[in-house]
Amino acid sequence: MLAWLHARPREFDETEALEGAMNAFWARGYESTSTEELCAATGLGRSSIYNTFSSKHELFRRVLDHYSHRGIRLRETLLDNAPDGLGAIRLLLASTIDDELENGRRGCLMVNAIAEFGTTDPEVAAQVNADTKHTCRR
């Protein structure tokens, strides 16, 4: 096969791109975040964003997955290191307060997503519901 027909390997860290997009959506919401802002936040060009994630909506859905898994890992680490139940509650609350104070009181991305989309987007609603079920299970 001709060399020019082979797809070029990705030259960026997808997790870093998702982190950047997550912070952009988290700060401004889905509708208010432009493609240009996503390019600046991820360090990717428009074509790289669409070639990798296919659409702004799909990027947002991937961001919600990333946010959910990130939160699960954080909570599990905090709970695993807590001396007891009360210690776990203290660690979770302290972590939440610290995050809010350090990041401009942006709230929970899942709550923000459901507030913006409501039930008009069944895919987003399903992701929020799955995250809520997992969070409440532990």
Protein backbone atom coordinates (compact mmCIF):
# COMPACT_ATOMS: atom_id res chain seq x y z
CA MET A 1 0.00 0.00 0.00
CA LEU A 2 1.23 3.50 -0.73
CA ALA A 3 2.68 5.37 2.26
CA TRP A 4 0.53 8.43 1.69
CA LEU A 5 -2.63 6.34 2.11
CA HIS A 6 -1.76 5.34 5.68
CA ALA A 7 -3.40 7.36 8.38
CA ARG A 8 -1.05 9.55 10.34
CA PRO A 9 -0.68 8.56 13.98
CA ARG A 10 -2.14 10.92 16.54
CA GLU A 11 0.43 13.38 17.74
CA PHE A 12 -1.37 14.47 20.90
CA ASP A 13 -2.44 13.04 24.22
CA GLU A 14 -6.18 12.39 23.99
CA THR A 15 -6.58 12.53 27.79
CA GLU A 16 -4.99 15.99 27.85
CA ALA A 17 -7.30 17.10 25.03
CA LEU A 18 -10.32 15.80 26.96
CA GLU A 19 -9.12 17.62 30.11
CA GLY A 20 -8.86 20.87 28.15
CA ALA A 21 -12.27 20.43 26.54
CA MET A 22 -13.75 19.45 29.90
CA ASN A 23 -12.50 22.67 31.48
CA ALA A 24 -13.86 24.74 28.58
CA PHE A 25 -17.31 23.15 28.71
CA TRP A 26 -17.29 23.28 32.51
CA ALA A 27 -16.51 27.01 32.54
CA ARG A 28 -18.97 28.07 29.83
CA GLY A 29 -21.44 25.25 29.21
CA TYR A 30 -22.01 23.32 26.02
CA GLU A 31 -23.86 25.91 23.94
CA SER A 32 -21.63 28.82 24.95
CA THR A 33 -18.38 27.03 24.13
CA SER A 34 -17.32 27.74 20.56
CA THR A 35 -15.19 25.54 18.36
CA GLU A 36 -12.45 28.18 18.54
CA GLU A 37 -12.51 27.98 22.35
CA LEU A 38 -12.29 24.19 22.14
CA CYS A 39 -9.29 24.49 19.81
CA ALA A 40 -7.58 26.82 22.28
CA ALA A 41 -8.47 24.61 25.26
CA THR A 42 -7.28 21.38 23.66
CA GLY A 43 -4.36 22.72 21.66
CA LEU A 44 -5.84 21.01 18.59
CA GLY A 45 -6.88 22.40 15.25
CA ARG A 46 -10.48 22.24 14.11
CA SER A 47 -9.81 19.32 11.76
CA SER A 48 -8.05 17.32 14.49
CA ILE A 49 -10.99 17.83 16.83
CA TYR A 50 -13.50 16.67 14.24
CA ASN A 51 -11.30 13.82 12.94
CA THR A 52 -10.83 12.52 16.47
CA PHE A 53 -14.21 13.19 18.06
CA SER A 54 -16.47 13.59 14.96
CA SER A 55 -18.59 16.42 16.40
CA LYS A 56 -18.86 18.92 19.23
CA HIS A 57 -21.65 16.81 20.72
CA GLU A 58 -19.58 13.62 20.62
CA LEU A 59 -16.65 15.50 22.19
CA PHE A 60 -18.99 16.66 24.96
CA ARG A 61 -20.18 13.09 25.53
CA ARG A 62 -16.56 11.90 25.72
CA VAL A 63 -15.85 14.73 28.17
CA LEU A 64 -18.75 13.57 30.37
CA ASP A 65 -17.30 10.04 30.37
CA HIS A 66 -13.86 11.42 31.20
CA TYR A 67 -15.30 13.57 34.00
CA SER A 68 -17.23 10.63 35.43
CA HIS A 69 -14.23 8.27 35.45
CA ARG A 70 -12.02 11.01 36.89
CA GLY A 71 -14.50 11.60 39.71
CA ILE A 72 -14.88 7.89 40.41
CA ARG A 73 -11.10 7.49 40.72
CA LEU A 74 -10.86 10.53 43.02
CA ARG A 75 -13.69 9.38 45.29
CA GLU A 76 -12.34 5.83 45.47
CA THR A 77 -8.90 7.13 46.44
CA LEU A 78 -10.37 9.39 49.10
CA LEU A 79 -12.59 6.65 50.50
CA ASP A 80 -9.79 4.08 50.47
CA ASN A 81 -7.58 6.44 52.47
CA ALA A 82 -10.20 7.46 55.01
CA PRO A 83 -9.69 6.18 58.54
CA ASP A 84 -13.44 5.64 59.07
CA GLY A 85 -16.88 6.73 57.83
CA LEU A 86 -16.68 10.19 59.38
CA GLY A 87 -13.18 10.63 57.96
CA ALA A 88 -14.50 9.68 54.51
CA ILE A 89 -17.23 12.32 54.72
CA ARG A 90 -14.70 14.93 55.83
CA LEU A 91 -12.33 14.05 52.98
CA LEU A 92 -15.11 14.15 50.37
CA LEU A 93 -16.45 17.48 51.61
CA ALA A 94 -12.98 19.04 51.89
CA SER A 95 -12.13 17.88 48.37
CA THR A 96 -15.36 19.32 46.97
CA ILE A 97 -14.89 22.66 48.74
CA ASP A 98 -11.24 22.90 47.68
CA ASP A 99 -12.17 22.19 44.06
CA GLU A 100 -14.89 24.83 44.10
CA LEU A 101 -12.62 27.48 45.62
CA GLU A 102 -9.71 26.69 43.31
CA ASN A 103 -11.76 26.53 40.10
CA GLY A 104 -14.13 29.46 40.25
CA ARG A 105 -17.16 27.77 41.80
CA ARG A 106 -18.15 26.01 38.62
CA GLY A 107 -20.25 23.32 40.30
CA CYS A 108 -20.62 19.73 39.14
CA LEU A 109 -20.26 19.20 35.39
CA MET A 110 -22.97 16.50 35.45
CA VAL A 111 -25.42 18.81 37.23
CA ASN A 112 -24.50 21.60 34.82
CA ALA A 113 -25.10 19.27 31.86
CA ILE A 114 -28.54 18.19 33.03
CA ALA A 115 -29.42 21.81 33.84
CA GLU A 116 -28.46 22.84 30.30
CA PHE A 117 -29.89 19.86 28.42
CA GLY A 118 -32.70 18.73 30.71
CA THR A 119 -34.24 15.66 29.14
CA THR A 120 -33.97 16.97 25.57
CA ASP A 121 -30.84 14.90 24.90
CA PRO A 122 -31.41 11.28 25.92
CA GLU A 123 -27.71 10.39 25.48
CA VAL A 124 -26.55 13.10 27.90
CA ALA A 125 -29.36 12.25 30.33
CA ALA A 126 -28.33 8.58 30.26
CA GLN A 127 -24.71 9.50 31.01
CA VAL A 128 -25.76 11.69 33.93
CA ASN A 129 -28.01 8.93 35.27
CA ALA A 130 -25.23 6.33 34.98
CA ASP A 131 -22.80 8.63 36.81
CA THR A 132 -25.37 9.28 39.54
CA LYS A 133 -26.05 5.55 40.00
CA HIS A 134 -22.34 4.77 40.25
CA THR A 135 -21.74 7.62 42.71
CA CYS A 136 -24.62 6.54 44.95
CA ARG A 137 -23.64 2.86 44.81
CA ARG A 138 -20.40 3.27 46.76
